[in-house]
Amino acid sequence: MARPRQFDEERALDAAMRTFWEYGYEAASTQDLCDATGLGRSSIYNTFRSKRELFARSLARYLDTMADAQEAVLDDVSRPPGERVRALLDKIVADEFDHRPDGRSLGCLAVNSTVELAAREPEVARLLDRDAARRLRSLSGVIAAGLRDGSITSGRGPDALARYVNAVIGGMRIAAQGGADRAAVQTVADTALDALVR
């Protein structure tokens, strides 16, 4: 009979995710991961087999959590579609500035991982591509509804606008991580909204 694990795997995964988010894949040492999770090296490797697998599972968890949060805002049918896009951009600003450990933004683990690993790690690229497709579907659907009801008035199509909004969100997160203040990042969000309703 297999011995039950003596730790909460989901909790350990959350702690590892936070560590990779803060340091990046390369800079997060095995000791950093042990310290964050409270696990010894043998427990980490017995459970997750390798740092690479632990990272892939942490990234997948992050991507699903963030996409679920985005969809919760965009699926709120009590608001017109244009207002849902506004609420999403407002949420990004709040996420970047209302929860700042050590007074700085961690940015976005997806964006960070794209820059650090996507070109040379096929599994990471696959996870990021899957996430981007999910986000773009969600955004495109809401934007299409906004074009139909007039709450979004751009002459561009929903797929192009979804890519634009997704890129703006990534840019907002990078700007906040790089030290831009809240007013500057809010201006980016406001300008993007202006582009949707001109």
N, C-alpha and C. Protein backbone atom coordinates (compact mmCIF):
# COMPACT_ATOMS: atom_id res chain seq x y z
N MET A 1 0.85 -1.18 0.00
CA MET A 1 0.00 0.00 0.00
C MET A 1 0.89 1.24 0.00
N ALA A 2 0.57 2.19 -0.89
CA ALA A 2 1.39 3.41 -0.99
C ALA A 2 1.22 4.28 0.25
N ARG A 3 2.32 4.87 0.67
CA ARG A 3 2.27 5.75 1.82
C ARG A 3 1.65 7.09 1.41
N PRO A 4 0.67 7.62 2.17
CA PRO A 4 0.07 8.89 1.77
C PRO A 4 1.08 10.03 1.90
N ARG A 5 0.97 11.00 1.02
CA ARG A 5 1.86 12.16 1.10
C ARG A 5 1.56 12.94 2.37
N GLN A 6 2.62 13.47 2.99
CA GLN A 6 2.48 14.16 4.26
C GLN A 6 2.39 15.68 4.07
N PHE A 7 2.02 16.12 2.89
CA PHE A 7 1.90 17.56 2.65
C PHE A 7 0.78 17.80 1.65
N ASP A 8 0.35 19.03 1.59
CA ASP A 8 -0.71 19.44 0.68
C ASP A 8 -0.06 19.81 -0.66
N GLU A 9 -0.23 18.96 -1.66
CA GLU A 9 0.44 19.17 -2.94
C GLU A 9 -0.01 20.47 -3.60
N GLU A 10 -1.29 20.80 -3.48
CA GLU A 10 -1.79 22.03 -4.10
C GLU A 10 -1.16 23.27 -3.46
N ARG A 11 -1.01 23.20 -2.16
CA ARG A 11 -0.39 24.32 -1.45
C ARG A 11 1.08 24.47 -1.85
N ALA A 12 1.76 23.35 -1.98
CA ALA A 12 3.16 23.37 -2.41
C ALA A 12 3.26 23.93 -3.82
N LEU A 13 2.33 23.57 -4.67
CA LEU A 13 2.33 24.07 -6.04
C LEU A 13 2.11 25.59 -6.07
N ASP A 14 1.21 26.07 -5.22
CA ASP A 14 1.00 27.53 -5.13
C ASP A 14 2.26 28.25 -4.67
N ALA A 15 2.96 27.67 -3.69
CA ALA A 15 4.18 28.28 -3.18
C ALA A 15 5.27 28.28 -4.25
N ALA A 16 5.37 27.19 -4.99
CA ALA A 16 6.36 27.12 -6.07
C ALA A 16 6.01 28.12 -7.17
N MET A 17 4.73 28.23 -7.50
CA MET A 17 4.29 29.19 -8.51
C MET A 17 4.71 30.60 -8.12
N ARG A 18 4.49 30.94 -6.87
CA ARG A 18 4.85 32.27 -6.39
C ARG A 18 6.37 32.50 -6.50
N THR A 19 7.13 31.48 -6.22
CA THR A 19 8.59 31.58 -6.29
C THR A 19 9.05 31.79 -7.73
N PHE A 20 8.51 31.01 -8.65
CA PHE A 20 8.86 31.18 -10.07
C PHE A 20 8.39 32.55 -10.57
N TRP A 21 7.25 32.99 -10.10
CA TRP A 21 6.71 34.29 -10.50
C TRP A 21 7.65 35.41 -10.06
N GLU A 22 8.18 35.27 -8.85
CA GLU A 22 9.05 36.32 -8.32
C GLU A 22 10.45 36.29 -8.93
N TYR A 23 11.01 35.08 -9.10
CA TYR A 23 12.41 34.98 -9.52
C TYR A 23 12.61 34.62 -10.99
N GLY A 24 11.60 33.97 -11.60
CA GLY A 24 11.79 33.40 -12.93
C GLY A 24 12.28 31.96 -12.80
N TYR A 25 12.25 31.25 -13.91
CA TYR A 25 12.62 29.83 -13.87
C TYR A 25 14.10 29.64 -13.55
N GLU A 26 14.95 30.28 -14.30
CA GLU A 26 16.40 30.07 -14.14
C GLU A 26 16.90 30.51 -12.77
N ALA A 27 16.43 31.65 -12.31
CA ALA A 27 16.96 32.22 -11.06
C ALA A 27 16.40 31.55 -9.81
N ALA A 28 15.28 30.85 -9.93
CA ALA A 28 14.71 30.16 -8.76
C ALA A 28 15.52 28.89 -8.51
N SER A 29 16.22 28.85 -7.41
CA SER A 29 17.03 27.68 -7.10
C SER A 29 16.18 26.61 -6.43
N THR A 30 16.71 25.40 -6.41
CA THR A 30 16.02 24.32 -5.71
C THR A 30 15.85 24.68 -4.24
N GLN A 31 16.85 25.35 -3.66
CA GLN A 31 16.73 25.76 -2.26
C GLN A 31 15.62 26.78 -2.08
N ASP A 32 15.48 27.72 -3.02
CA ASP A 32 14.37 28.69 -2.97
C ASP A 32 13.04 27.95 -2.96
N LEU A 33 12.93 26.93 -3.80
CA LEU A 33 11.69 26.17 -3.88
C LEU A 33 11.45 25.36 -2.61
N CYS A 34 12.51 24.81 -2.04
CA CYS A 34 12.38 24.10 -0.75
C CYS A 34 11.92 25.06 0.34
N ASP A 35 12.54 26.23 0.40
CA ASP A 35 12.17 27.22 1.42
C ASP A 35 10.72 27.66 1.28
N ALA A 36 10.30 27.88 0.04
CA ALA A 36 8.94 28.38 -0.20
C ALA A 36 7.88 27.32 0.11
N THR A 37 8.16 26.09 -0.27
CA THR A 37 7.16 25.03 -0.11
C THR A 37 7.23 24.36 1.26
N GLY A 38 8.37 24.51 1.94
CA GLY A 38 8.56 23.81 3.20
C GLY A 38 8.89 22.34 3.01
N LEU A 39 9.24 21.96 1.78
CA LEU A 39 9.55 20.57 1.47
C LEU A 39 11.05 20.38 1.31
N GLY A 40 11.50 19.18 1.57
CA GLY A 40 12.88 18.83 1.29
C GLY A 40 13.05 18.52 -0.19
N ARG A 41 14.29 18.49 -0.63
CA ARG A 41 14.57 18.19 -2.04
C ARG A 41 13.97 16.86 -2.47
N SER A 42 14.09 15.85 -1.63
CA SER A 42 13.59 14.53 -2.03
C SER A 42 12.07 14.56 -2.20
N SER A 43 11.36 15.30 -1.34
CA SER A 43 9.90 15.39 -1.48
C SER A 43 9.52 16.11 -2.77
N ILE A 44 10.25 17.18 -3.08
CA ILE A 44 9.96 17.91 -4.32
C ILE A 44 10.18 17.00 -5.53
N TYR A 45 11.33 16.32 -5.55
CA TYR A 45 11.65 15.52 -6.73
C TYR A 45 10.83 14.23 -6.79
N ASN A 46 10.43 13.68 -5.64
CA ASN A 46 9.56 12.50 -5.66
C ASN A 46 8.17 12.85 -6.17
N THR A 47 7.73 14.06 -5.88
CA THR A 47 6.39 14.47 -6.28
C THR A 47 6.36 15.04 -7.69
N PHE A 48 7.32 15.90 -8.01
CA PHE A 48 7.28 16.63 -9.28
C PHE A 48 8.34 16.18 -10.27
N ARG A 49 9.20 15.28 -9.91
CA ARG A 49 10.24 14.66 -10.75
C ARG A 49 11.37 15.60 -11.13
N SER A 50 11.09 16.85 -11.42
CA SER A 50 12.16 17.76 -11.84
C SER A 50 11.70 19.20 -11.64
N LYS A 51 12.65 20.09 -11.62
CA LYS A 51 12.34 21.52 -11.55
C LYS A 51 11.51 21.92 -12.77
N ARG A 52 11.83 21.36 -13.92
CA ARG A 52 11.10 21.69 -15.15
C ARG A 52 9.64 21.29 -15.04
N GLU A 53 9.36 20.08 -14.50
CA GLU A 53 7.97 19.66 -14.35
C GLU A 53 7.25 20.51 -13.31
N LEU A 54 7.93 20.82 -12.22
CA LEU A 54 7.33 21.68 -11.21
C LEU A 54 6.98 23.04 -11.81
N PHE A 55 7.88 23.58 -12.63
CA PHE A 55 7.60 24.86 -13.28
C PHE A 55 6.40 24.74 -14.22
N ALA A 56 6.37 23.70 -15.04
CA ALA A 56 5.28 23.54 -16.00
C ALA A 56 3.94 23.44 -15.28
N ARG A 57 3.90 22.69 -14.19
CA ARG A 57 2.64 22.57 -13.43
C ARG A 57 2.29 23.89 -12.74
N SER A 58 3.30 24.62 -12.25
CA SER A 58 3.06 25.91 -11.63
C SER A 58 2.53 26.91 -12.65
N LEU A 59 3.14 26.92 -13.83
CA LEU A 59 2.70 27.83 -14.89
C LEU A 59 1.28 27.49 -15.33
N ALA A 60 0.99 26.22 -15.51
CA ALA A 60 -0.37 25.82 -15.91
C ALA A 60 -1.39 26.28 -14.88
N ARG A 61 -1.04 26.13 -13.61
CA ARG A 61 -1.95 26.56 -12.53
C ARG A 61 -2.16 28.08 -12.59
N TYR A 62 -1.08 28.81 -12.76
CA TYR A 62 -1.18 30.27 -12.87
C TYR A 62 -2.06 30.66 -14.06
N LEU A 63 -1.79 30.09 -15.21
CA LEU A 63 -2.54 30.45 -16.42
C LEU A 63 -4.02 30.16 -16.26
N ASP A 64 -4.36 29.01 -15.70
CA ASP A 64 -5.77 28.67 -15.51
C ASP A 64 -6.43 29.61 -14.52
N THR A 65 -5.73 29.93 -13.45
CA THR A 65 -6.28 30.83 -12.44
C THR A 65 -6.54 32.21 -13.02
N MET A 66 -5.58 32.73 -13.77
CA MET A 66 -5.73 34.07 -14.34
C MET A 66 -6.79 34.09 -15.44
N ALA A 67 -6.84 33.06 -16.26
CA ALA A 67 -7.86 33.02 -17.33
C ALA A 67 -9.25 32.88 -16.72
N ASP A 68 -9.39 32.09 -15.65
CA ASP A 68 -10.68 31.98 -14.97
C ASP A 68 -11.13 33.34 -14.45
N ALA A 69 -10.20 34.10 -13.88
CA ALA A 69 -10.53 35.43 -13.34
C ALA A 69 -10.93 36.37 -14.47
N GLN A 70 -10.22 36.31 -15.60
CA GLN A 70 -10.58 37.15 -16.74
C GLN A 70 -11.97 36.80 -17.25
N GLU A 71 -12.23 35.51 -17.38
CA GLU A 71 -13.53 35.08 -17.89
C GLU A 71 -14.67 35.46 -16.94
N ALA A 72 -14.41 35.44 -15.63
CA ALA A 72 -15.44 35.83 -14.68
C ALA A 72 -15.87 37.28 -14.92
N VAL A 73 -14.92 38.14 -15.25
CA VAL A 73 -15.25 39.54 -15.55
C VAL A 73 -15.96 39.65 -16.90
N LEU A 74 -15.43 38.98 -17.90
CA LEU A 74 -15.98 39.11 -19.26
C LEU A 74 -17.32 38.40 -19.42
N ASP A 75 -17.63 37.44 -18.57
CA ASP A 75 -18.89 36.71 -18.67
C ASP A 75 -20.01 37.34 -17.84
N ASP A 76 -19.75 38.49 -17.23
CA ASP A 76 -20.74 39.15 -16.37
C ASP A 76 -21.80 39.84 -17.23
N VAL A 77 -22.87 39.10 -17.54
CA VAL A 77 -23.88 39.61 -18.47
C VAL A 77 -24.75 40.72 -17.87
N SER A 78 -24.52 41.06 -16.60
CA SER A 78 -25.26 42.18 -16.03
C SER A 78 -24.73 43.52 -16.55
N ARG A 79 -23.57 43.50 -17.23
CA ARG A 79 -22.99 44.72 -17.81
C ARG A 79 -22.97 44.61 -19.33
N PRO A 80 -23.06 45.75 -20.02
CA PRO A 80 -22.86 45.71 -21.47
C PRO A 80 -21.44 45.25 -21.78
N PRO A 81 -21.22 44.66 -22.96
CA PRO A 81 -19.90 44.14 -23.30
C PRO A 81 -18.77 45.16 -23.19
N GLY A 82 -18.99 46.38 -23.63
CA GLY A 82 -17.95 47.40 -23.53
C GLY A 82 -17.54 47.66 -22.08
N GLU A 83 -18.53 47.64 -21.19
CA GLU A 83 -18.23 47.83 -19.77
C GLU A 83 -17.46 46.64 -19.18
N ARG A 84 -17.68 45.46 -19.73
CA ARG A 84 -16.93 44.29 -19.26
C ARG A 84 -15.45 44.42 -19.63
N VAL A 85 -15.18 44.94 -20.82
CA VAL A 85 -13.78 45.15 -21.21
C VAL A 85 -13.16 46.21 -20.30
N ARG A 86 -13.90 47.28 -20.03
CA ARG A 86 -13.42 48.31 -19.09
C ARG A 86 -13.13 47.70 -17.72
N ALA A 87 -14.04 46.87 -17.23
CA ALA A 87 -13.86 46.24 -15.92
C ALA A 87 -12.62 45.35 -15.91
N LEU A 88 -12.36 44.66 -17.02
CA LEU A 88 -11.17 43.82 -17.09
C LEU A 88 -9.90 44.67 -17.00
N LEU A 89 -9.84 45.76 -17.75
CA LEU A 89 -8.66 46.62 -17.71
C LEU A 89 -8.50 47.25 -16.32
N ASP A 90 -9.62 47.63 -15.70
CA ASP A 90 -9.56 48.17 -14.33
C ASP A 90 -9.03 47.11 -13.36
N LYS A 91 -9.43 45.86 -13.58
CA LYS A 91 -8.94 44.77 -12.73
C LYS A 91 -7.44 44.59 -12.88
N ILE A 92 -6.93 44.73 -14.09
CA ILE A 92 -5.48 44.60 -14.31
C ILE A 92 -4.75 45.68 -13.52
N VAL A 93 -5.26 46.91 -13.59
CA VAL A 93 -4.62 48.01 -12.84
C VAL A 93 -4.65 47.69 -11.34
N ALA A 94 -5.81 47.27 -10.85
CA ALA A 94 -5.93 46.95 -9.42
C ALA A 94 -4.99 45.81 -9.04
N ASP A 95 -4.93 44.76 -9.86
CA ASP A 95 -4.05 43.63 -9.56
C ASP A 95 -2.60 44.08 -9.45
N GLU A 96 -2.20 45.00 -10.32
CA GLU A 96 -0.81 45.44 -10.34
C GLU A 96 -0.46 46.35 -9.17
N PHE A 97 -1.43 47.11 -8.66
CA PHE A 97 -1.10 48.11 -7.66
C PHE A 97 -1.69 47.87 -6.28
N ASP A 98 -2.66 46.99 -6.15
CA ASP A 98 -3.27 46.77 -4.84
C ASP A 98 -2.61 45.64 -4.07
N HIS A 99 -1.84 44.81 -4.72
CA HIS A 99 -1.22 43.65 -4.06
C HIS A 99 0.26 43.63 -4.44
N ARG A 100 1.05 44.47 -3.81
CA ARG A 100 2.47 44.59 -4.18
C ARG A 100 3.36 44.14 -3.05
N PRO A 101 3.83 42.89 -3.09
CA PRO A 101 4.77 42.46 -2.06
C PRO A 101 6.08 43.24 -2.22
N ASP A 102 6.63 43.68 -1.13
CA ASP A 102 7.89 44.44 -1.15
C ASP A 102 7.78 45.71 -1.98
N GLY A 103 6.56 46.21 -2.17
CA GLY A 103 6.37 47.49 -2.85
C GLY A 103 6.58 47.47 -4.35
N ARG A 104 6.63 46.28 -4.96
CA ARG A 104 6.80 46.24 -6.42
C ARG A 104 5.87 45.22 -7.03
N SER A 105 5.59 45.41 -8.29
CA SER A 105 4.74 44.48 -9.02
C SER A 105 5.56 43.28 -9.48
N LEU A 106 4.94 42.10 -9.42
CA LEU A 106 5.59 40.91 -9.96
C LEU A 106 5.32 40.78 -11.46
N GLY A 107 4.46 41.64 -12.00
CA GLY A 107 4.13 41.52 -13.40
C GLY A 107 3.26 40.31 -13.65
N CYS A 108 3.50 39.65 -14.75
CA CYS A 108 2.69 38.52 -15.18
C CYS A 108 3.60 37.32 -15.43
N LEU A 109 3.32 36.21 -14.79
CA LEU A 109 4.15 35.02 -14.99
C LEU A 109 4.09 34.55 -16.43
N ALA A 110 2.97 34.74 -17.10
CA ALA A 110 2.87 34.35 -18.51
C ALA A 110 3.79 35.20 -19.37
N VAL A 111 3.75 36.51 -19.18
CA VAL A 111 4.62 37.40 -19.95
C VAL A 111 6.09 37.10 -19.63
N ASN A 112 6.39 36.98 -18.35
CA ASN A 112 7.77 36.69 -17.94
C ASN A 112 8.26 35.38 -18.57
N SER A 113 7.40 34.37 -18.57
CA SER A 113 7.78 33.07 -19.11
C SER A 113 7.92 33.10 -20.63
N THR A 114 7.11 33.92 -21.28
CA THR A 114 7.23 34.08 -22.73
C THR A 114 8.61 34.61 -23.07
N VAL A 115 9.03 35.64 -22.34
CA VAL A 115 10.33 36.25 -22.61
C VAL A 115 11.47 35.31 -22.25
N GLU A 116 11.36 34.65 -21.10
CA GLU A 116 12.47 33.83 -20.61
C GLU A 116 12.59 32.48 -21.31
N LEU A 117 11.45 31.83 -21.61
CA LEU A 117 11.52 30.41 -21.96
C LEU A 117 10.82 29.97 -23.24
N ALA A 118 9.84 30.70 -23.72
CA ALA A 118 8.98 30.18 -24.79
C ALA A 118 9.75 29.78 -26.04
N ALA A 119 10.81 30.51 -26.37
CA ALA A 119 11.54 30.22 -27.61
C ALA A 119 12.36 28.94 -27.52
N ARG A 120 12.63 28.45 -26.31
CA ARG A 120 13.51 27.28 -26.20
C ARG A 120 12.93 26.13 -25.39
N GLU A 121 11.72 26.30 -24.89
CA GLU A 121 11.08 25.24 -24.11
C GLU A 121 9.71 24.93 -24.73
N PRO A 122 9.62 23.89 -25.54
CA PRO A 122 8.36 23.59 -26.24
C PRO A 122 7.15 23.41 -25.32
N GLU A 123 7.34 22.80 -24.16
CA GLU A 123 6.22 22.60 -23.24
C GLU A 123 5.69 23.93 -22.72
N VAL A 124 6.60 24.85 -22.41
CA VAL A 124 6.20 26.18 -21.97
C VAL A 124 5.47 26.90 -23.10
N ALA A 125 6.01 26.82 -24.32
CA ALA A 125 5.37 27.46 -25.47
C ALA A 125 3.97 26.90 -25.69
N ARG A 126 3.81 25.58 -25.53
CA ARG A 126 2.50 24.96 -25.70
C ARG A 126 1.49 25.47 -24.67
N LEU A 127 1.92 25.56 -23.41
CA LEU A 127 1.04 26.07 -22.36
C LEU A 127 0.64 27.53 -22.63
N LEU A 128 1.60 28.33 -23.05
CA LEU A 128 1.33 29.74 -23.32
C LEU A 128 0.42 29.91 -24.54
N ASP A 129 0.63 29.10 -25.56
CA ASP A 129 -0.24 29.16 -26.75
C ASP A 129 -1.67 28.78 -26.40
N ARG A 130 -1.81 27.73 -25.61
CA ARG A 130 -3.15 27.30 -25.19
C ARG A 130 -3.85 28.41 -24.40
N ASP A 131 -3.10 29.05 -23.50
CA ASP A 131 -3.66 30.13 -22.70
C ASP A 131 -4.04 31.31 -23.57
N ALA A 132 -3.18 31.69 -24.49
CA ALA A 132 -3.47 32.83 -25.37
C ALA A 132 -4.73 32.56 -26.19
N ALA A 133 -4.87 31.35 -26.70
CA ALA A 133 -6.06 31.01 -27.48
C ALA A 133 -7.32 31.14 -26.63
N ARG A 134 -7.25 30.67 -25.39
CA ARG A 134 -8.41 30.77 -24.49
C ARG A 134 -8.76 32.22 -24.21
N ARG A 135 -7.76 33.03 -23.90
CA ARG A 135 -8.01 34.45 -23.60
C ARG A 135 -8.56 35.18 -24.82
N LEU A 136 -7.99 34.90 -25.97
CA LEU A 136 -8.43 35.58 -27.19
C LEU A 136 -9.86 35.20 -27.55
N ARG A 137 -10.23 33.93 -27.37
CA ARG A 137 -11.62 33.50 -27.62
C ARG A 137 -12.58 34.28 -26.73
N SER A 138 -12.23 34.37 -25.46
CA SER A 138 -13.08 35.06 -24.49
C SER A 138 -13.22 36.54 -24.84
N LEU A 139 -12.09 37.18 -25.10
CA LEU A 139 -12.12 38.60 -25.46
C LEU A 139 -12.87 38.84 -26.77
N SER A 140 -12.59 38.02 -27.77
CA SER A 140 -13.22 38.19 -29.07
C SER A 140 -14.73 38.05 -28.97
N GLY A 141 -15.20 37.11 -28.17
CA GLY A 141 -16.64 36.93 -28.01
C GLY A 141 -17.31 38.14 -27.39
N VAL A 142 -16.69 38.70 -26.37
CA VAL A 142 -17.27 39.88 -25.72
C VAL A 142 -17.21 41.09 -26.64
N ILE A 143 -16.09 41.24 -27.34
CA ILE A 143 -15.95 42.37 -28.25
C ILE A 143 -16.95 42.25 -29.40
N ALA A 144 -17.16 41.05 -29.92
CA ALA A 144 -18.16 40.86 -30.98
C ALA A 144 -19.55 41.27 -30.48
N ALA A 145 -19.87 40.90 -29.24
CA ALA A 145 -21.16 41.30 -28.66
C ALA A 145 -21.24 42.82 -28.52
N GLY A 146 -20.10 43.45 -28.15
CA GLY A 146 -20.07 44.90 -28.02
C GLY A 146 -20.22 45.60 -29.35
N LEU A 147 -19.65 45.03 -30.40
CA LEU A 147 -19.83 45.61 -31.74
C LEU A 147 -21.28 45.50 -32.19
N ARG A 148 -21.94 44.42 -31.80
CA ARG A 148 -23.36 44.26 -32.17
C ARG A 148 -24.25 45.23 -31.42
N ASP A 149 -23.99 45.43 -30.11
CA ASP A 149 -24.90 46.29 -29.34
C ASP A 149 -24.47 47.76 -29.32
N GLY A 150 -23.33 48.08 -29.92
CA GLY A 150 -22.89 49.47 -30.01
C GLY A 150 -22.07 49.96 -28.82
N SER A 151 -21.81 49.11 -27.83
CA SER A 151 -20.99 49.55 -26.70
C SER A 151 -19.51 49.56 -27.06
N ILE A 152 -19.17 48.93 -28.20
CA ILE A 152 -17.84 49.03 -28.81
C ILE A 152 -18.08 49.45 -30.25
N THR A 153 -17.36 50.49 -30.69
CA THR A 153 -17.67 51.08 -31.99
C THR A 153 -16.49 51.12 -32.95
N SER A 154 -15.41 50.48 -32.63
CA SER A 154 -14.25 50.47 -33.52
C SER A 154 -14.61 49.84 -34.87
N GLY A 155 -13.91 50.27 -35.91
CA GLY A 155 -14.11 49.69 -37.22
C GLY A 155 -13.37 48.38 -37.42
N ARG A 156 -12.58 47.98 -36.47
CA ARG A 156 -11.83 46.72 -36.56
C ARG A 156 -12.72 45.54 -36.15
N GLY A 157 -12.32 44.36 -36.58
CA GLY A 157 -13.07 43.16 -36.24
C GLY A 157 -12.75 42.66 -34.84
N PRO A 158 -13.58 41.76 -34.32
CA PRO A 158 -13.41 41.29 -32.94
C PRO A 158 -12.09 40.55 -32.69
N ASP A 159 -11.62 39.78 -33.66
CA ASP A 159 -10.36 39.05 -33.44
C ASP A 159 -9.17 40.00 -33.35
N ALA A 160 -9.14 41.00 -34.24
CA ALA A 160 -8.05 41.99 -34.20
C ALA A 160 -8.10 42.79 -32.91
N LEU A 161 -9.29 43.17 -32.49
CA LEU A 161 -9.42 43.94 -31.25
C LEU A 161 -9.07 43.10 -30.03
N ALA A 162 -9.40 41.82 -30.07
CA ALA A 162 -9.04 40.94 -28.96
C ALA A 162 -7.52 40.85 -28.83
N ARG A 163 -6.83 40.72 -29.96
CA ARG A 163 -5.35 40.68 -29.93
C ARG A 163 -4.79 42.00 -29.39
N TYR A 164 -5.40 43.08 -29.80
CA TYR A 164 -4.97 44.39 -29.33
C TYR A 164 -5.13 44.52 -27.81
N VAL A 165 -6.30 44.18 -27.30
CA VAL A 165 -6.55 44.29 -25.86
C VAL A 165 -5.62 43.36 -25.09
N ASN A 166 -5.41 42.16 -25.60
CA ASN A 166 -4.51 41.21 -24.93
C ASN A 166 -3.09 41.77 -24.88
N ALA A 167 -2.65 42.38 -25.98
CA ALA A 167 -1.31 42.99 -26.01
C ALA A 167 -1.23 44.18 -25.06
N VAL A 168 -2.29 44.96 -24.98
CA VAL A 168 -2.32 46.09 -24.05
C VAL A 168 -2.19 45.60 -22.61
N ILE A 169 -2.89 44.53 -22.29
CA ILE A 169 -2.82 43.98 -20.93
C ILE A 169 -1.38 43.55 -20.61
N GLY A 170 -0.75 42.85 -21.54
CA GLY A 170 0.65 42.47 -21.33
C GLY A 170 1.53 43.69 -21.14
N GLY A 171 1.32 44.72 -21.94
CA GLY A 171 2.09 45.95 -21.82
C GLY A 171 1.87 46.66 -20.50
N MET A 172 0.63 46.66 -20.03
CA MET A 172 0.33 47.28 -18.73
C MET A 172 1.08 46.55 -17.61
N ARG A 173 1.11 45.24 -17.68
CA ARG A 173 1.79 44.47 -16.63
C ARG A 173 3.31 44.71 -16.67
N ILE A 174 3.86 44.76 -17.88
CA ILE A 174 5.30 45.04 -18.00
C ILE A 174 5.62 46.44 -17.49
N ALA A 175 4.78 47.41 -17.85
CA ALA A 175 5.01 48.79 -17.40
C ALA A 175 4.98 48.87 -15.88
N ALA A 176 4.00 48.23 -15.26
CA ALA A 176 3.90 48.25 -13.80
C ALA A 176 5.11 47.57 -13.17
N GLN A 177 5.52 46.45 -13.74
CA GLN A 177 6.69 45.73 -13.22
C GLN A 177 7.95 46.57 -13.36
N GLY A 178 8.00 47.35 -14.44
CA GLY A 178 9.17 48.19 -14.69
C GLY A 178 9.22 49.46 -13.88
N GLY A 179 8.16 49.75 -13.13
CA GLY A 179 8.18 50.92 -12.24
C GLY A 179 7.21 52.02 -12.59
N ALA A 180 6.41 51.86 -13.66
CA ALA A 180 5.42 52.90 -13.98
C ALA A 180 4.44 53.03 -12.81
N ASP A 181 4.00 54.26 -12.55
CA ASP A 181 3.06 54.44 -11.45
C ASP A 181 1.63 54.13 -11.91
N ARG A 182 0.73 54.11 -10.95
CA ARG A 182 -0.65 53.72 -11.23
C ARG A 182 -1.29 54.64 -12.27
N ALA A 183 -1.05 55.93 -12.16
CA ALA A 183 -1.66 56.87 -13.11
C ALA A 183 -1.21 56.58 -14.54
N ALA A 184 0.06 56.25 -14.71
CA ALA A 184 0.58 55.97 -16.05
C ALA A 184 -0.06 54.70 -16.63
N VAL A 185 -0.19 53.67 -15.81
CA VAL A 185 -0.78 52.42 -16.28
C VAL A 185 -2.28 52.61 -16.54
N GLN A 186 -2.94 53.40 -15.71
CA GLN A 186 -4.36 53.69 -15.93
C GLN A 186 -4.56 54.45 -17.24
N THR A 187 -3.62 55.33 -17.57
CA THR A 187 -3.70 56.06 -18.83
C THR A 187 -3.64 55.11 -20.02
N VAL A 188 -2.80 54.09 -19.92
CA VAL A 188 -2.73 53.09 -20.99
C VAL A 188 -4.09 52.40 -21.14
N ALA A 189 -4.70 52.02 -20.02
CA ALA A 189 -6.01 51.36 -20.06
C ALA A 189 -7.05 52.29 -20.67
N ASP A 190 -7.06 53.56 -20.26
CA ASP A 190 -8.04 54.51 -20.77
C ASP A 190 -7.87 54.74 -22.26
N THR A 191 -6.63 54.81 -22.71
CA THR A 191 -6.35 55.02 -24.14
C THR A 191 -6.82 53.81 -24.95
N ALA A 192 -6.60 52.62 -24.42
CA ALA A 192 -7.10 51.41 -25.11
C ALA A 192 -8.61 51.43 -25.22
N LEU A 193 -9.27 51.87 -24.18
CA LEU A 193 -10.74 51.94 -24.22
C LEU A 193 -11.19 52.97 -25.25
N ASP A 194 -10.49 54.09 -25.32
CA ASP A 194 -10.80 55.10 -26.33
C ASP A 194 -10.73 54.50 -27.74
N ALA A 195 -9.73 53.64 -27.97
CA ALA A 195 -9.57 53.02 -29.29
C ALA A 195 -10.73 52.08 -29.62
N LEU A 196 -11.38 51.53 -28.59
CA LEU A 196 -12.50 50.62 -28.83
C LEU A 196 -13.81 51.33 -29.12
N VAL A 197 -13.93 52.58 -28.71
CA VAL A 197 -15.21 53.27 -28.84
C VAL A 197 -15.16 54.49 -29.75
N ARG A 198 -14.09 54.63 -30.53
CA ARG A 198 -14.06 55.79 -31.44
C ARG A 198 -14.92 55.58 -32.66
